[in-house]
Amino acid sequence: MRYGFTADIAPDLQEEIDTEWTWADYPMPWCTREEIRQVSADAQRIHNNIATGRLTIHAHANDSHTTVAVGTYAQGVRRA
């Protein structure tokens, strides 16, 4: 209720939200729902850092199973 509004999630919508994290073709089926969320959050953080110019990717390679990259952060890495 940050701005005086409340929101309720209908049970059907909550079910869809929960299944979103476990879709059938997920490339790492051994991951738990929480691990999928963490991988997704990490990927989003990397994307944001690239998009804002904080992270520069210098080279990448793909062997058809895994993609690896070499990059540098503009001002070093800060961890929370």
C-alpha atoms as a PDB file:
ATOM      1  CA  MET A   1       0.000   0.000   0.000  1.00  0.00           C
ATOM      2  CA  ARG A   2       2.814   2.364  -0.827  1.00  0.00           C
ATOM      3  CA  TYR A   3       0.600   4.969  -2.517  1.00  0.00           C
ATOM      4  CA  GLY A   4      -2.677   4.110  -0.838  1.00  0.00           C
ATOM      5  CA  PHE A   5      -3.632   1.447  -3.382  1.00  0.00           C
ATOM      6  CA  THR A   6      -4.093  -2.223  -2.732  1.00  0.00           C
ATOM      7  CA  ALA A   7      -3.932  -4.962  -5.320  1.00  0.00           C
ATOM      8  CA  ASP A   8      -5.223  -8.486  -5.157  1.00  0.00           C
ATOM      9  CA  ILE A   9      -4.087 -11.306  -7.415  1.00  0.00           C
ATOM     10  CA  ALA A  10      -6.847 -13.639  -8.560  1.00  0.00           C
ATOM     11  CA  PRO A  11      -6.077 -17.321  -7.926  1.00  0.00           C
ATOM     12  CA  ASP A  12      -6.018 -18.100 -11.687  1.00  0.00           C
ATOM     13  CA  LEU A  13      -3.503 -15.317 -12.292  1.00  0.00           C
ATOM     14  CA  GLN A  14      -1.347 -16.476  -9.372  1.00  0.00           C
ATOM     15  CA  GLU A  15      -1.275 -19.956 -10.893  1.00  0.00           C
ATOM     16  CA  GLU A  16      -0.073 -18.484 -14.211  1.00  0.00           C
ATOM     17  CA  ILE A  17       2.571 -16.430 -12.418  1.00  0.00           C
ATOM     18  CA  ASP A  18       3.823 -19.545 -10.629  1.00  0.00           C
ATOM     19  CA  THR A  19       3.956 -21.640 -13.817  1.00  0.00           C
ATOM     20  CA  GLU A  20       5.753 -18.877 -15.717  1.00  0.00           C
ATOM     21  CA  TRP A  21       8.953 -19.867 -13.940  1.00  0.00           C
ATOM     22  CA  THR A  22       8.711 -23.527 -14.915  1.00  0.00           C
ATOM     23  CA  TRP A  23       7.925 -23.538 -18.625  1.00  0.00           C
ATOM     24  CA  ALA A  24       8.504 -26.787 -20.490  1.00  0.00           C
ATOM     25  CA  ASP A  25      11.408 -25.739 -22.718  1.00  0.00           C
ATOM     26  CA  TYR A  26      13.468 -24.053 -19.995  1.00  0.00           C
ATOM     27  CA  PRO A  27      17.128 -24.788 -20.836  1.00  0.00           C
ATOM     28  CA  MET A  28      17.967 -25.860 -17.272  1.00  0.00           C
ATOM     29  CA  PRO A  29      15.180 -28.238 -16.189  1.00  0.00           C
ATOM     30  CA  TRP A  30      17.149 -29.333 -13.113  1.00  0.00           C
ATOM     31  CA  CYS A  31      16.711 -25.883 -11.521  1.00  0.00           C
ATOM     32  CA  THR A  32      14.160 -25.235  -8.820  1.00  0.00           C
ATOM     33  CA  ARG A  33      11.718 -22.342  -9.201  1.00  0.00           C
ATOM     34  CA  GLU A  34      13.886 -20.203  -6.910  1.00  0.00           C
ATOM     35  CA  GLU A  35      17.024 -21.056  -8.922  1.00  0.00           C
ATOM     36  CA  ILE A  36      15.225 -20.137 -12.153  1.00  0.00           C
ATOM     37  CA  ARG A  37      14.279 -16.788 -10.627  1.00  0.00           C
ATOM     38  CA  GLN A  38      17.886 -16.202  -9.531  1.00  0.00           C
ATOM     39  CA  VAL A  39      19.269 -17.057 -12.987  1.00  0.00           C
ATOM     40  CA  SER A  40      16.687 -14.741 -14.557  1.00  0.00           C
ATOM     41  CA  ALA A  41      17.524 -11.934 -12.112  1.00  0.00           C
ATOM     42  CA  ASP A  42      21.260 -12.351 -12.770  1.00  0.00           C
ATOM     43  CA  ALA A  43      20.669 -12.276 -16.537  1.00  0.00           C
ATOM     44  CA  GLN A  44      18.548  -9.134 -16.206  1.00  0.00           C
ATOM     45  CA  ARG A  45      21.248  -7.448 -14.099  1.00  0.00           C
ATOM     46  CA  ILE A  46      23.899  -8.254 -16.717  1.00  0.00           C
ATOM     47  CA  HIS A  47      21.622  -6.980 -19.497  1.00  0.00           C
ATOM     48  CA  ASN A  48      20.988  -3.737 -17.605  1.00  0.00           C
ATOM     49  CA  ASN A  49      24.713  -3.247 -17.012  1.00  0.00           C
ATOM     50  CA  ILE A  50      25.428  -3.703 -20.722  1.00  0.00           C
ATOM     51  CA  ALA A  51      22.535  -1.439 -21.755  1.00  0.00           C
ATOM     52  CA  THR A  52      23.694   1.387 -19.477  1.00  0.00           C
ATOM     53  CA  GLY A  53      27.338   1.114 -20.546  1.00  0.00           C
ATOM     54  CA  ARG A  54      28.505  -0.085 -17.134  1.00  0.00           C
ATOM     55  CA  LEU A  55      29.617  -3.450 -18.566  1.00  0.00           C
ATOM     56  CA  THR A  56      31.458  -3.806 -21.862  1.00  0.00           C
ATOM     57  CA  ILE A  57      31.650  -7.237 -23.496  1.00  0.00           C
ATOM     58  CA  HIS A  58      34.909  -7.641 -25.423  1.00  0.00           C
ATOM     59  CA  ALA A  59      34.508 -11.144 -26.841  1.00  0.00           C
ATOM     60  CA  HIS A  60      32.186 -14.102 -26.643  1.00  0.00           C
ATOM     61  CA  ALA A  61      32.148 -17.678 -27.879  1.00  0.00           C
ATOM     62  CA  ASN A  62      29.472 -20.333 -28.261  1.00  0.00           C
ATOM     63  CA  ASP A  63      30.147 -24.056 -28.572  1.00  0.00           C
ATOM     64  CA  SER A  64      26.435 -24.820 -29.260  1.00  0.00           C
ATOM     65  CA  HIS A  65      25.922 -25.751 -25.594  1.00  0.00           C
ATOM     66  CA  THR A  66      27.351 -22.827 -23.666  1.00  0.00           C
ATOM     67  CA  THR A  67      28.078 -19.185 -24.332  1.00  0.00           C
ATOM     68  CA  VAL A  68      30.939 -17.528 -22.486  1.00  0.00           C
ATOM     69  CA  ALA A  69      31.976 -13.893 -22.572  1.00  0.00           C
ATOM     70  CA  VAL A  70      34.840 -11.660 -21.486  1.00  0.00           C
ATOM     71  CA  GLY A  71      33.969  -8.185 -20.294  1.00  0.00           C
ATOM     72  CA  THR A  72      34.929  -5.378 -17.968  1.00  0.00           C
ATOM     73  CA  TYR A  73      32.960  -3.094 -15.710  1.00  0.00           C
ATOM     74  CA  ALA A  74      33.550   0.628 -16.159  1.00  0.00           C
ATOM     75  CA  GLN A  75      34.169   1.282 -12.459  1.00  0.00           C
ATOM     76  CA  GLY A  76      34.710  -2.128 -10.981  1.00  0.00           C
ATOM     77  CA  VAL A  77      32.130  -4.480  -9.557  1.00  0.00           C
ATOM     78  CA  ARG A  78      30.185  -3.480  -6.460  1.00  0.00           C
ATOM     79  CA  ARG A  79      28.520  -6.267  -4.554  1.00  0.00           C
ATOM     80  CA  ALA A  80      25.675  -5.733  -2.119  1.00  0.00           C
END
